[in-house]
Amino acid sequence: TPLHRGFDTFLGFYNSHISYYDYRYSNQNMSGYDMHRGDDPAH
């Protein structure tokens, strides 16, 4: 993840895309929230 690859701070998502308002990503019947500040979810 970004904080372990040379970035001091990170606000963003891990996957290819998310929805613009609720920040969810779905793949193969799995769906969940994907917005993070640093190493932690930004709920």
PDB file of all heavy atoms in Angstrom:
ATOM      1  N   THR A   1       0.825  -1.204   0.000  1.00  0.00           N
ATOM      2  CA  THR A   1       0.000   0.000   0.000  1.00  0.00           C
ATOM      3  C   THR A   1       0.867   1.266   0.000  1.00  0.00           C
ATOM      4  O   THR A   1       2.059   1.217   0.291  1.00  0.00           O
ATOM      5  CB  THR A   1      -0.946  -0.011   1.204  1.00  0.00           C
ATOM      6  OG1 THR A   1      -0.181  -0.075   2.414  1.00  0.00           O
ATOM      7  CG2 THR A   1      -1.897  -1.210   1.137  1.00  0.00           C
ATOM      8  N   PRO A   2       0.287   2.430  -0.349  1.00  0.00           N
ATOM      9  CA  PRO A   2       1.088   3.636  -0.606  1.00  0.00           C
ATOM     10  C   PRO A   2       2.039   4.072   0.494  1.00  0.00           C
ATOM     11  O   PRO A   2       3.164   4.490   0.212  1.00  0.00           O
ATOM     12  CB  PRO A   2       0.014   4.701  -0.861  1.00  0.00           C
ATOM     13  CG  PRO A   2      -1.135   3.939  -1.441  1.00  0.00           C
ATOM     14  CD  PRO A   2      -1.136   2.626  -0.701  1.00  0.00           C
ATOM     15  N   LEU A   3       1.619   3.996   1.765  1.00  0.00           N
ATOM     16  CA  LEU A   3       2.500   4.467   2.838  1.00  0.00           C
ATOM     17  C   LEU A   3       3.744   3.602   2.985  1.00  0.00           C
ATOM     18  O   LEU A   3       4.716   4.007   3.635  1.00  0.00           O
ATOM     19  CB  LEU A   3       1.753   4.518   4.168  1.00  0.00           C
ATOM     20  CG  LEU A   3       0.620   5.536   4.298  1.00  0.00           C
ATOM     21  CD1 LEU A   3       0.230   5.708   5.763  1.00  0.00           C
ATOM     22  CD2 LEU A   3       0.982   6.888   3.696  1.00  0.00           C
ATOM     23  N   HIS A   4       3.718   2.417   2.396  1.00  0.00           N
ATOM     24  CA  HIS A   4       4.864   1.516   2.462  1.00  0.00           C
ATOM     25  C   HIS A   4       5.635   1.491   1.144  1.00  0.00           C
ATOM     26  O   HIS A   4       6.563   0.711   0.986  1.00  0.00           O
ATOM     27  CB  HIS A   4       4.388   0.109   2.832  1.00  0.00           C
ATOM     28  CG  HIS A   4       3.619   0.058   4.117  1.00  0.00           C
ATOM     29  ND1 HIS A   4       4.216  -0.201   5.327  1.00  0.00           N
ATOM     30  CD2 HIS A   4       2.297   0.280   4.374  1.00  0.00           C
ATOM     31  CE1 HIS A   4       3.295  -0.161   6.280  1.00  0.00           C
ATOM     32  NE2 HIS A   4       2.131   0.128   5.728  1.00  0.00           N
ATOM     33  N   ARG A   5       5.238   2.357   0.209  1.00  0.00           N
ATOM     34  CA  ARG A   5       5.898   2.434  -1.095  1.00  0.00           C
ATOM     35  C   ARG A   5       6.439   3.829  -1.374  1.00  0.00           C
ATOM     36  O   ARG A   5       6.603   4.239  -2.525  1.00  0.00           O
ATOM     37  CB  ARG A   5       4.943   2.021  -2.222  1.00  0.00           C
ATOM     38  CG  ARG A   5       4.332   0.626  -2.113  1.00  0.00           C
ATOM     39  CD  ARG A   5       5.337  -0.494  -1.944  1.00  0.00           C
ATOM     40  NE  ARG A   5       6.296  -0.630  -3.010  1.00  0.00           N
ATOM     41  CZ  ARG A   5       6.202  -1.475  -4.040  1.00  0.00           C
ATOM     42  NH1 ARG A   5       5.124  -2.242  -4.153  1.00  0.00           N
ATOM     43  NH2 ARG A   5       7.155  -1.569  -4.931  1.00  0.00           N
ATOM     44  N   GLY A   6       6.706   4.601  -0.332  1.00  0.00           N
ATOM     45  CA  GLY A   6       7.372   5.878  -0.526  1.00  0.00           C
ATOM     46  C   GLY A   6       6.527   7.112  -0.327  1.00  0.00           C
ATOM     47  O   GLY A   6       7.044   8.234  -0.416  1.00  0.00           O
ATOM     48  N   PHE A   7       5.239   6.962  -0.063  1.00  0.00           N
ATOM     49  CA  PHE A   7       4.389   8.135   0.157  1.00  0.00           C
ATOM     50  C   PHE A   7       4.253   8.425   1.642  1.00  0.00           C
ATOM     51  O   PHE A   7       4.035   7.518   2.452  1.00  0.00           O
ATOM     52  CB  PHE A   7       3.010   7.924  -0.466  1.00  0.00           C
ATOM     53  CG  PHE A   7       3.002   8.050  -1.964  1.00  0.00           C
ATOM     54  CD1 PHE A   7       2.942   6.915  -2.767  1.00  0.00           C
ATOM     55  CD2 PHE A   7       3.077   9.289  -2.577  1.00  0.00           C
ATOM     56  CE1 PHE A   7       2.948   7.024  -4.153  1.00  0.00           C
ATOM     57  CE2 PHE A   7       3.086   9.417  -3.952  1.00  0.00           C
ATOM     58  CZ  PHE A   7       3.027   8.279  -4.743  1.00  0.00           C
ATOM     59  N   ASP A   8       4.337   9.703   1.987  1.00  0.00           N
ATOM     60  CA  ASP A   8       4.207  10.123   3.384  1.00  0.00           C
ATOM     61  C   ASP A   8       2.750  10.126   3.829  1.00  0.00           C
ATOM     62  O   ASP A   8       2.452   9.841   4.993  1.00  0.00           O
ATOM     63  CB  ASP A   8       4.804  11.524   3.574  1.00  0.00           C
ATOM     64  CG  ASP A   8       6.296  11.547   3.303  1.00  0.00           C
ATOM     65  OD1 ASP A   8       6.986  10.580   3.669  1.00  0.00           O
ATOM     66  OD2 ASP A   8       6.775  12.536   2.710  1.00  0.00           O
ATOM     67  N   THR A   9       1.841  10.505   2.923  1.00  0.00           N
ATOM     68  CA  THR A   9       0.417  10.499   3.250  1.00  0.00           C
ATOM     69  C   THR A   9      -0.363   9.962   2.052  1.00  0.00           C
ATOM     70  O   THR A   9       0.099  10.001   0.914  1.00  0.00           O
ATOM     71  CB  THR A   9      -0.111  11.907   3.601  1.00  0.00           C
ATOM     72  OG1 THR A   9      -0.033  12.754   2.443  1.00  0.00           O
ATOM     73  CG2 THR A   9       0.674  12.526   4.743  1.00  0.00           C
ATOM     74  N   PHE A  10      -1.581   9.493   2.338  1.00  0.00           N
ATOM     75  CA  PHE A  10      -2.442   8.944   1.296  1.00  0.00           C
ATOM     76  C   PHE A  10      -3.891   9.148   1.675  1.00  0.00           C
ATOM     77  O   PHE A  10      -4.296   8.862   2.795  1.00  0.00           O
ATOM     78  CB  PHE A  10      -2.162   7.443   1.118  1.00  0.00           C
ATOM     79  CG  PHE A  10      -3.142   6.718   0.236  1.00  0.00           C
ATOM     80  CD1 PHE A  10      -3.304   7.051  -1.098  1.00  0.00           C
ATOM     81  CD2 PHE A  10      -3.920   5.675   0.754  1.00  0.00           C
ATOM     82  CE1 PHE A  10      -4.212   6.368  -1.910  1.00  0.00           C
ATOM     83  CE2 PHE A  10      -4.830   4.984  -0.045  1.00  0.00           C
ATOM     84  CZ  PHE A  10      -4.965   5.338  -1.385  1.00  0.00           C
ATOM     85  N   LEU A  11      -4.672   9.696   0.748  1.00  0.00           N
ATOM     86  CA  LEU A  11      -6.128   9.689   0.851  1.00  0.00           C
ATOM     87  C   LEU A  11      -6.644   9.200  -0.493  1.00  0.00           C
ATOM     88  O   LEU A  11      -6.434   9.856  -1.517  1.00  0.00           O
ATOM     89  CB  LEU A  11      -6.692  11.080   1.135  1.00  0.00           C
ATOM     90  CG  LEU A  11      -8.235  11.151   1.087  1.00  0.00           C
ATOM     91  CD1 LEU A  11      -8.859  10.372   2.238  1.00  0.00           C
ATOM     92  CD2 LEU A  11      -8.729  12.595   1.088  1.00  0.00           C
ATOM     93  N   GLY A  12      -7.291   8.039  -0.501  1.00  0.00           N
ATOM     94  CA  GLY A  12      -7.759   7.536  -1.777  1.00  0.00           C
ATOM     95  C   GLY A  12      -8.254   6.109  -1.683  1.00  0.00           C
ATOM     96  O   GLY A  12      -8.598   5.616  -0.611  1.00  0.00           O
ATOM     97  N   PHE A  13      -8.266   5.430  -2.840  1.00  0.00           N
ATOM     98  CA  PHE A  13      -8.831   4.087  -2.922  1.00  0.00           C
ATOM     99  C   PHE A  13      -7.831   3.130  -3.547  1.00  0.00           C
ATOM    100  O   PHE A  13      -6.970   3.526  -4.327  1.00  0.00           O
ATOM    101  CB  PHE A  13     -10.148   4.106  -3.701  1.00  0.00           C
ATOM    102  CG  PHE A  13     -10.073   4.686  -5.087  1.00  0.00           C
ATOM    103  CD1 PHE A  13     -10.003   3.870  -6.210  1.00  0.00           C
ATOM    104  CD2 PHE A  13     -10.076   6.067  -5.280  1.00  0.00           C
ATOM    105  CE1 PHE A  13      -9.948   4.401  -7.485  1.00  0.00           C
ATOM    106  CE2 PHE A  13     -10.024   6.613  -6.560  1.00  0.00           C
ATOM    107  CZ  PHE A  13      -9.952   5.773  -7.663  1.00  0.00           C
ATOM    108  N   TYR A  14      -7.961   1.870  -3.177  1.00  0.00           N
ATOM    109  CA  TYR A  14      -7.007   0.849  -3.597  1.00  0.00           C
ATOM    110  C   TYR A  14      -7.337   0.232  -4.957  1.00  0.00           C
ATOM    111  O   TYR A  14      -6.448  -0.185  -5.687  1.00  0.00           O
ATOM    112  CB  TYR A  14      -6.971  -0.288  -2.571  1.00  0.00           C
ATOM    113  CG  TYR A  14      -6.381   0.058  -1.227  1.00  0.00           C
ATOM    114  CD1 TYR A  14      -6.874  -0.547  -0.069  1.00  0.00           C
ATOM    115  CD2 TYR A  14      -5.326   0.954  -1.111  1.00  0.00           C
ATOM    116  CE1 TYR A  14      -6.331  -0.268   1.178  1.00  0.00           C
ATOM    117  CE2 TYR A  14      -4.780   1.242   0.141  1.00  0.00           C
ATOM    118  CZ  TYR A  14      -5.289   0.629   1.279  1.00  0.00           C
ATOM    119  OH  TYR A  14      -4.749   0.899   2.503  1.00  0.00           O
ATOM    120  N   ASN A  15      -8.623   0.123  -5.284  1.00  0.00           N
ATOM    121  CA  ASN A  15      -9.044  -0.642  -6.450  1.00  0.00           C
ATOM    122  C   ASN A  15      -9.066   0.197  -7.728  1.00  0.00           C
ATOM    123  O   ASN A  15      -8.657   1.358  -7.725  1.00  0.00           O
ATOM    124  CB  ASN A  15     -10.416  -1.260  -6.175  1.00  0.00           C
ATOM    125  CG  ASN A  15     -10.339  -2.400  -5.183  1.00  0.00           C
ATOM    126  OD1 ASN A  15      -9.718  -3.416  -5.440  1.00  0.00           O
ATOM    127  ND2 ASN A  15     -10.961  -2.228  -4.010  1.00  0.00           N
ATOM    128  N   SER A  16      -9.588  -0.394  -8.809  1.00  0.00           N
ATOM    129  CA  SER A  16      -9.562   0.276 -10.105  1.00  0.00           C
ATOM    130  C   SER A  16     -10.482   1.489 -10.159  1.00  0.00           C
ATOM    131  O   SER A  16     -10.215   2.440 -10.897  1.00  0.00           O
ATOM    132  CB  SER A  16      -9.968  -0.707 -11.207  1.00  0.00           C
ATOM    133  OG  SER A  16     -11.284  -1.196 -10.990  1.00  0.00           O
ATOM    134  N   HIS A  17     -11.558   1.475  -9.398  1.00  0.00           N
ATOM    135  CA  HIS A  17     -12.511   2.577  -9.389  1.00  0.00           C
ATOM    136  C   HIS A  17     -13.432   2.398  -8.193  1.00  0.00           C
ATOM    137  O   HIS A  17     -13.442   1.341  -7.547  1.00  0.00           O
ATOM    138  CB  HIS A  17     -13.335   2.593 -10.683  1.00  0.00           C
ATOM    139  CG  HIS A  17     -14.194   1.383 -10.847  1.00  0.00           C
ATOM    140  ND1 HIS A  17     -13.702   0.166 -11.283  1.00  0.00           N
ATOM    141  CD2 HIS A  17     -15.536   1.176 -10.602  1.00  0.00           C
ATOM    142  CE1 HIS A  17     -14.676  -0.725 -11.318  1.00  0.00           C
ATOM    143  NE2 HIS A  17     -15.789  -0.150 -10.900  1.00  0.00           N
ATOM    144  N   ILE A  18     -14.196   3.437  -7.910  1.00  0.00           N
ATOM    145  CA  ILE A  18     -15.217   3.410  -6.872  1.00  0.00           C
ATOM    146  C   ILE A  18     -16.396   4.246  -7.373  1.00  0.00           C
ATOM    147  O   ILE A  18     -16.285   4.950  -8.384  1.00  0.00           O
ATOM    148  CB  ILE A  18     -14.721   3.975  -5.524  1.00  0.00           C
ATOM    149  CG1 ILE A  18     -14.086   5.360  -5.723  1.00  0.00           C
ATOM    150  CG2 ILE A  18     -13.744   3.021  -4.856  1.00  0.00           C
ATOM    151  CD1 ILE A  18     -13.666   6.060  -4.453  1.00  0.00           C
ATOM    152  N   SER A  19     -17.513   4.191  -6.685  1.00  0.00           N
ATOM    153  CA  SER A  19     -18.607   5.115  -6.993  1.00  0.00           C
ATOM    154  C   SER A  19     -18.236   6.491  -6.437  1.00  0.00           C
ATOM    155  O   SER A  19     -17.505   6.616  -5.454  1.00  0.00           O
ATOM    156  CB  SER A  19     -19.915   4.615  -6.387  1.00  0.00           C
ATOM    157  OG  SER A  19     -19.747   4.308  -5.013  1.00  0.00           O
ATOM    158  N   TYR A  20     -18.737   7.545  -7.084  1.00  0.00           N
ATOM    159  CA  TYR A  20     -18.279   8.903  -6.798  1.00  0.00           C
ATOM    160  C   TYR A  20     -18.808   9.476  -5.495  1.00  0.00           C
ATOM    161  O   TYR A  20     -18.234  10.417  -4.947  1.00  0.00           O
ATOM    162  CB  TYR A  20     -18.655   9.838  -7.952  1.00  0.00           C
ATOM    163  CG  TYR A  20     -17.761   9.694  -9.157  1.00  0.00           C
ATOM    164  CD1 TYR A  20     -17.891   8.607 -10.017  1.00  0.00           C
ATOM    165  CD2 TYR A  20     -16.772  10.628  -9.432  1.00  0.00           C
ATOM    166  CE1 TYR A  20     -17.068   8.467 -11.129  1.00  0.00           C
ATOM    167  CE2 TYR A  20     -15.941  10.498 -10.531  1.00  0.00           C
ATOM    168  CZ  TYR A  20     -16.087   9.413 -11.381  1.00  0.00           C
ATOM    169  OH  TYR A  20     -15.253   9.268 -12.469  1.00  0.00           O
ATOM    170  N   TYR A  21     -19.908   8.907  -4.980  1.00  0.00           N
ATOM    171  CA  TYR A  21     -20.508   9.470  -3.775  1.00  0.00           C
ATOM    172  C   TYR A  21     -20.407   8.575  -2.548  1.00  0.00           C
ATOM    173  O   TYR A  21     -20.237   9.076  -1.441  1.00  0.00           O
ATOM    174  CB  TYR A  21     -21.980   9.820  -4.021  1.00  0.00           C
ATOM    175  CG  TYR A  21     -22.160  11.103  -4.792  1.00  0.00           C
ATOM    176  CD1 TYR A  21     -22.511  11.081  -6.135  1.00  0.00           C
ATOM    177  CD2 TYR A  21     -21.968  12.339  -4.187  1.00  0.00           C
ATOM    178  CE1 TYR A  21     -22.675  12.264  -6.856  1.00  0.00           C
ATOM    179  CE2 TYR A  21     -22.133  13.526  -4.890  1.00  0.00           C
ATOM    180  CZ  TYR A  21     -22.482  13.484  -6.224  1.00  0.00           C
ATOM    181  OH  TYR A  21     -22.637  14.650  -6.919  1.00  0.00           O
ATOM    182  N   ASP A  22     -20.516   7.264  -2.713  1.00  0.00           N
ATOM    183  CA  ASP A  22     -20.444   6.409  -1.522  1.00  0.00           C
ATOM    184  C   ASP A  22     -19.170   5.572  -1.484  1.00  0.00           C
ATOM    185  O   ASP A  22     -18.974   4.773  -0.568  1.00  0.00           O
ATOM    186  CB  ASP A  22     -21.686   5.535  -1.368  1.00  0.00           C
ATOM    187  CG  ASP A  22     -21.892   4.598  -2.555  1.00  0.00           C
ATOM    188  OD1 ASP A  22     -20.965   4.442  -3.373  1.00  0.00           O
ATOM    189  OD2 ASP A  22     -22.986   4.019  -2.654  1.00  0.00           O
ATOM    190  N   TYR A  23     -18.290   5.726  -2.489  1.00  0.00           N
ATOM    191  CA  TYR A  23     -16.941   5.158  -2.490  1.00  0.00           C
ATOM    192  C   TYR A  23     -16.925   3.636  -2.363  1.00  0.00           C
ATOM    193  O   TYR A  23     -16.087   3.058  -1.678  1.00  0.00           O
ATOM    194  CB  TYR A  23     -16.081   5.772  -1.380  1.00  0.00           C
ATOM    195  CG  TYR A  23     -16.267   7.251  -1.183  1.00  0.00           C
ATOM    196  CD1 TYR A  23     -16.308   7.807   0.088  1.00  0.00           C
ATOM    197  CD2 TYR A  23     -16.420   8.106  -2.271  1.00  0.00           C
ATOM    198  CE1 TYR A  23     -16.484   9.171   0.278  1.00  0.00           C
ATOM    199  CE2 TYR A  23     -16.599   9.471  -2.087  1.00  0.00           C
ATOM    200  CZ  TYR A  23     -16.633  10.000  -0.820  1.00  0.00           C
ATOM    201  OH  TYR A  23     -16.822  11.347  -0.642  1.00  0.00           O
ATOM    202  N   ARG A  24     -17.841   2.978  -3.066  1.00  0.00           N
ATOM    203  CA  ARG A  24     -17.921   1.521  -3.026  1.00  0.00           C
ATOM    204  C   ARG A  24     -17.371   0.912  -4.310  1.00  0.00           C
ATOM    205  O   ARG A  24     -17.477   1.486  -5.390  1.00  0.00           O
ATOM    206  CB  ARG A  24     -19.363   1.061  -2.804  1.00  0.00           C
ATOM    207  CG  ARG A  24     -19.931   1.465  -1.450  1.00  0.00           C
ATOM    208  CD  ARG A  24     -21.315   0.873  -1.233  1.00  0.00           C
ATOM    209  NE  ARG A  24     -21.276  -0.573  -1.072  1.00  0.00           N
ATOM    210  CZ  ARG A  24     -20.999  -1.198   0.077  1.00  0.00           C
ATOM    211  NH1 ARG A  24     -20.722  -0.501   1.162  1.00  0.00           N
ATOM    212  NH2 ARG A  24     -20.999  -2.517   0.130  1.00  0.00           N
ATOM    213  N   TYR A  25     -16.783  -0.274  -4.161  1.00  0.00           N
ATOM    214  CA  TYR A  25     -16.267  -1.045  -5.288  1.00  0.00           C
ATOM    215  C   TYR A  25     -16.822  -2.459  -5.195  1.00  0.00           C
ATOM    216  O   TYR A  25     -16.909  -3.027  -4.094  1.00  0.00           O
ATOM    217  CB  TYR A  25     -14.736  -1.094  -5.243  1.00  0.00           C
ATOM    218  CG  TYR A  25     -14.118  -2.082  -6.217  1.00  0.00           C
ATOM    219  CD1 TYR A  25     -13.912  -1.752  -7.550  1.00  0.00           C
ATOM    220  CD2 TYR A  25     -13.745  -3.363  -5.792  1.00  0.00           C
ATOM    221  CE1 TYR A  25     -13.348  -2.656  -8.443  1.00  0.00           C
ATOM    222  CE2 TYR A  25     -13.181  -4.281  -6.671  1.00  0.00           C
ATOM    223  CZ  TYR A  25     -12.983  -3.915  -7.997  1.00  0.00           C
ATOM    224  OH  TYR A  25     -12.429  -4.820  -8.867  1.00  0.00           O
ATOM    225  N   SER A  26     -17.203  -3.031  -6.354  1.00  0.00           N
ATOM    226  CA  SER A  26     -17.767  -4.379  -6.380  1.00  0.00           C
ATOM    227  C   SER A  26     -17.020  -5.243  -7.381  1.00  0.00           C
ATOM    228  O   SER A  26     -16.629  -4.780  -8.463  1.00  0.00           O
ATOM    229  CB  SER A  26     -19.252  -4.328  -6.766  1.00  0.00           C
ATOM    230  OG  SER A  26     -19.987  -3.559  -5.843  1.00  0.00           O
ATOM    231  N   ASN A  27     -16.827  -6.517  -7.011  1.00  0.00           N
ATOM    232  CA  ASN A  27     -16.175  -7.475  -7.898  1.00  0.00           C
ATOM    233  C   ASN A  27     -16.593  -8.885  -7.506  1.00  0.00           C
ATOM    234  O   ASN A  27     -16.439  -9.288  -6.346  1.00  0.00           O
ATOM    235  CB  ASN A  27     -14.650  -7.347  -7.806  1.00  0.00           C
ATOM    236  CG  ASN A  27     -13.938  -8.330  -8.708  1.00  0.00           C
ATOM    237  OD1 ASN A  27     -14.299  -8.510  -9.859  1.00  0.00           O
ATOM    238  ND2 ASN A  27     -12.913  -8.985  -8.176  1.00  0.00           N
ATOM    239  N   GLN A  28     -17.150  -9.634  -8.450  1.00  0.00           N
ATOM    240  CA  GLN A  28     -17.510 -11.041  -8.257  1.00  0.00           C
ATOM    241  C   GLN A  28     -18.305 -11.276  -6.964  1.00  0.00           C
ATOM    242  O   GLN A  28     -17.892 -12.025  -6.072  1.00  0.00           O
ATOM    243  CB  GLN A  28     -16.257 -11.910  -8.277  1.00  0.00           C
ATOM    244  CG  GLN A  28     -15.540 -11.895  -9.620  1.00  0.00           C
ATOM    245  CD  GLN A  28     -14.458 -12.948  -9.710  1.00  0.00           C
ATOM    246  OE1 GLN A  28     -14.339 -13.808  -8.835  1.00  0.00           O
ATOM    247  NE2 GLN A  28     -13.662 -12.889 -10.759  1.00  0.00           N
ATOM    248  N   ASN A  29     -19.417 -10.603  -6.851  1.00  0.00           N
ATOM    249  CA  ASN A  29     -20.321 -10.760  -5.703  1.00  0.00           C
ATOM    250  C   ASN A  29     -19.711 -10.283  -4.392  1.00  0.00           C
ATOM    251  O   ASN A  29     -20.232 -10.596  -3.316  1.00  0.00           O
ATOM    252  CB  ASN A  29     -20.783 -12.221  -5.552  1.00  0.00           C
ATOM    253  CG  ASN A  29     -21.588 -12.686  -6.758  1.00  0.00           C
ATOM    254  OD1 ASN A  29     -22.419 -11.946  -7.268  1.00  0.00           O
ATOM    255  ND2 ASN A  29     -21.319 -13.898  -7.216  1.00  0.00           N
ATOM    256  N   MET A  30     -18.610  -9.578  -4.467  1.00  0.00           N
ATOM    257  CA  MET A  30     -18.039  -8.949  -3.273  1.00  0.00           C
ATOM    258  C   MET A  30     -18.159  -7.442  -3.450  1.00  0.00           C
ATOM    259  O   MET A  30     -17.833  -6.910  -4.515  1.00  0.00           O
ATOM    260  CB  MET A  30     -16.573  -9.347  -3.077  1.00  0.00           C
ATOM    261  CG  MET A  30     -16.356 -10.827  -2.826  1.00  0.00           C
ATOM    262  SD  MET A  30     -14.651 -11.241  -2.330  1.00  0.00           S
ATOM    263  CE  MET A  30     -13.742 -10.822  -3.812  1.00  0.00           C
ATOM    264  N   SER A  31     -18.605  -6.768  -2.441  1.00  0.00           N
ATOM    265  CA  SER A  31     -18.789  -5.329  -2.524  1.00  0.00           C
ATOM    266  C   SER A  31     -18.441  -4.689  -1.190  1.00  0.00           C
ATOM    267  O   SER A  31     -18.739  -5.261  -0.131  1.00  0.00           O
ATOM    268  CB  SER A  31     -20.234  -4.992  -2.908  1.00  0.00           C
ATOM    269  OG  SER A  31     -20.420  -3.603  -3.015  1.00  0.00           O
ATOM    270  N   GLY A  32     -17.821  -3.533  -1.239  1.00  0.00           N
ATOM    271  CA  GLY A  32     -17.468  -2.880   0.014  1.00  0.00           C
ATOM    272  C   GLY A  32     -16.942  -1.472  -0.188  1.00  0.00           C
ATOM    273  O   GLY A  32     -16.747  -0.998  -1.319  1.00  0.00           O
ATOM    274  N   TYR A  33     -16.740  -0.817   0.912  1.00  0.00           N
ATOM    275  CA  TYR A  33     -16.246   0.560   0.971  1.00  0.00           C
ATOM    276  C   TYR A  33     -14.756   0.581   0.665  1.00  0.00           C
ATOM    277  O   TYR A  33     -14.003  -0.277   1.118  1.00  0.00           O
ATOM    278  CB  TYR A  33     -16.516   1.092   2.376  1.00  0.00           C
ATOM    279  CG  TYR A  33     -16.144   2.518   2.639  1.00  0.00           C
ATOM    280  CD1 TYR A  33     -17.008   3.551   2.303  1.00  0.00           C
ATOM    281  CD2 TYR A  33     -14.949   2.838   3.277  1.00  0.00           C
ATOM    282  CE1 TYR A  33     -16.686   4.880   2.589  1.00  0.00           C
ATOM    283  CE2 TYR A  33     -14.616   4.149   3.563  1.00  0.00           C
ATOM    284  CZ  TYR A  33     -15.481   5.173   3.213  1.00  0.00           C
ATOM    285  OH  TYR A  33     -15.160   6.472   3.501  1.00  0.00           O
ATOM    286  N   ASP A  34     -14.316   1.560  -0.131  1.00  0.00           N
ATOM    287  CA  ASP A  34     -12.900   1.657  -0.474  1.00  0.00           C
ATOM    288  C   ASP A  34     -12.467   3.113  -0.502  1.00  0.00           C
ATOM    289  O   ASP A  34     -12.300   3.721  -1.558  1.00  0.00           O
ATOM    290  CB  ASP A  34     -12.630   0.988  -1.827  1.00  0.00           C
ATOM    291  CG  ASP A  34     -11.145   0.952  -2.185  1.00  0.00           C
ATOM    292  OD1 ASP A  34     -10.320   1.303  -1.322  1.00  0.00           O
ATOM    293  OD2 ASP A  34     -10.824   0.588  -3.331  1.00  0.00           O
ATOM    294  N   MET A  35     -12.306   3.686   0.676  1.00  0.00           N
ATOM    295  CA  MET A  35     -11.689   5.008   0.818  1.00  0.00           C
ATOM    296  C   MET A  35     -10.842   4.956   2.074  1.00  0.00           C
ATOM    297  O   MET A  35     -11.313   4.551   3.139  1.00  0.00           O
ATOM    298  CB  MET A  35     -12.743   6.112   0.917  1.00  0.00           C
ATOM    299  CG  MET A  35     -12.157   7.515   0.993  1.00  0.00           C
ATOM    300  SD  MET A  35     -11.272   8.022  -0.499  1.00  0.00           S
ATOM    301  CE  MET A  35     -12.648   8.278  -1.611  1.00  0.00           C
ATOM    302  N   HIS A  36      -9.585   5.359   1.923  1.00  0.00           N
ATOM    303  CA  HIS A  36      -8.631   5.200   3.023  1.00  0.00           C
ATOM    304  C   HIS A  36      -7.852   6.490   3.244  1.00  0.00           C
ATOM    305  O   HIS A  36      -7.516   7.197   2.289  1.00  0.00           O
ATOM    306  CB  HIS A  36      -7.648   4.071   2.714  1.00  0.00           C
ATOM    307  CG  HIS A  36      -8.315   2.746   2.537  1.00  0.00           C
ATOM    308  ND1 HIS A  36      -8.432   1.819   3.544  1.00  0.00           N
ATOM    309  CD2 HIS A  36      -8.943   2.197   1.469  1.00  0.00           C
ATOM    310  CE1 HIS A  36      -9.083   0.764   3.105  1.00  0.00           C
ATOM    311  NE2 HIS A  36      -9.410   0.968   1.838  1.00  0.00           N
ATOM    312  N   ARG A  37      -7.594   6.775   4.500  1.00  0.00           N
ATOM    313  CA  ARG A  37      -6.656   7.840   4.869  1.00  0.00           C
ATOM    314  C   ARG A  37      -5.496   7.157   5.572  1.00  0.00           C
ATOM    315  O   ARG A  37      -5.668   6.563   6.632  1.00  0.00           O
ATOM    316  CB  ARG A  37      -7.305   8.880   5.772  1.00  0.00           C
ATOM    317  CG  ARG A  37      -6.354  10.033   6.101  1.00  0.00           C
ATOM    318  CD  ARG A  37      -7.017  11.118   6.918  1.00  0.00           C
ATOM    319  NE  ARG A  37      -8.004  11.875   6.176  1.00  0.00           N
ATOM    320  CZ  ARG A  37      -7.718  12.865   5.326  1.00  0.00           C
ATOM    321  NH1 ARG A  37      -6.454  13.189   5.103  1.00  0.00           N
ATOM    322  NH2 ARG A  37      -8.687  13.516   4.716  1.00  0.00           N
ATOM    323  N   GLY A  38      -4.324   7.217   4.931  1.00  0.00           N
ATOM    324  CA  GLY A  38      -3.205   6.446   5.444  1.00  0.00           C
ATOM    325  C   GLY A  38      -3.507   4.969   5.303  1.00  0.00           C
ATOM    326  O   GLY A  38      -3.958   4.497   4.261  1.00  0.00           O
ATOM    327  N   ASP A  39      -3.310   4.223   6.382  1.00  0.00           N
ATOM    328  CA  ASP A  39      -3.584   2.787   6.378  1.00  0.00           C
ATOM    329  C   ASP A  39      -4.991   2.443   6.841  1.00  0.00           C
ATOM    330  O   ASP A  39      -5.375   1.275   6.858  1.00  0.00           O
ATOM    331  CB  ASP A  39      -2.579   2.063   7.297  1.00  0.00           C
ATOM    332  CG  ASP A  39      -1.177   2.035   6.707  1.00  0.00           C
ATOM    333  OD1 ASP A  39      -1.058   2.010   5.465  1.00  0.00           O
ATOM    334  OD2 ASP A  39      -0.206   2.033   7.486  1.00  0.00           O
ATOM    335  N   ASP A  40      -5.778   3.451   7.208  1.00  0.00           N
ATOM    336  CA  ASP A  40      -7.066   3.193   7.848  1.00  0.00           C
ATOM    337  C   ASP A  40      -8.239   3.585   6.949  1.00  0.00           C
ATOM    338  O   ASP A  40      -8.149   4.541   6.163  1.00  0.00           O
ATOM    339  CB  ASP A  40      -7.164   3.982   9.161  1.00  0.00           C
ATOM    340  CG  ASP A  40      -6.066   3.602  10.144  1.00  0.00           C
ATOM    341  OD1 ASP A  40      -5.783   2.389  10.255  1.00  0.00           O
ATOM    342  OD2 ASP A  40      -5.501   4.510  10.773  1.00  0.00           O
ATOM    343  N   PRO A  41      -9.365   2.875   7.078  1.00  0.00           N
ATOM    344  CA  PRO A  41     -10.569   3.279   6.343  1.00  0.00           C
ATOM    345  C   PRO A  41     -11.004   4.678   6.759  1.00  0.00           C
ATOM    346  O   PRO A  41     -10.898   5.054   7.933  1.00  0.00           O
ATOM    347  CB  PRO A  41     -11.612   2.232   6.756  1.00  0.00           C
ATOM    348  CG  PRO A  41     -10.819   1.068   7.252  1.00  0.00           C
ATOM    349  CD  PRO A  41      -9.578   1.639   7.858  1.00  0.00           C
ATOM    350  N   ALA A  42     -11.495   5.447   5.783  1.00  0.00           N
ATOM    351  CA  ALA A  42     -11.934   6.825   6.058  1.00  0.00           C
ATOM    352  C   ALA A  42     -13.460   6.866   6.010  1.00  0.00           C
ATOM    353  O   ALA A  42     -14.068   7.420   5.089  1.00  0.00           O
ATOM    354  CB  ALA A  42     -11.326   7.779   5.041  1.00  0.00           C
ATOM    355  N   HIS A  43     -14.078   6.271   7.024  1.00  0.00           N
ATOM    356  CA  HIS A  43     -15.530   6.089   6.990  1.00  0.00           C
ATOM    357  C   HIS A  43     -16.306   7.382   7.212  1.00  0.00           C
ATOM    358  O   HIS A  43     -17.495   7.428   6.914  1.00  0.00           O
ATOM    359  CB  HIS A  43     -15.954   5.073   8.061  1.00  0.00           C
ATOM    360  CG  HIS A  43     -15.634   3.658   7.693  1.00  0.00           C
ATOM    361  ND1 HIS A  43     -16.241   3.008   6.644  1.00  0.00           N
ATOM    362  CD2 HIS A  43     -14.763   2.762   8.241  1.00  0.00           C
ATOM    363  CE1 HIS A  43     -15.762   1.779   6.547  1.00  0.00           C
ATOM    364  NE2 HIS A  43     -14.869   1.598   7.503  1.00  0.00           N
TER     365      HIS A  43
END
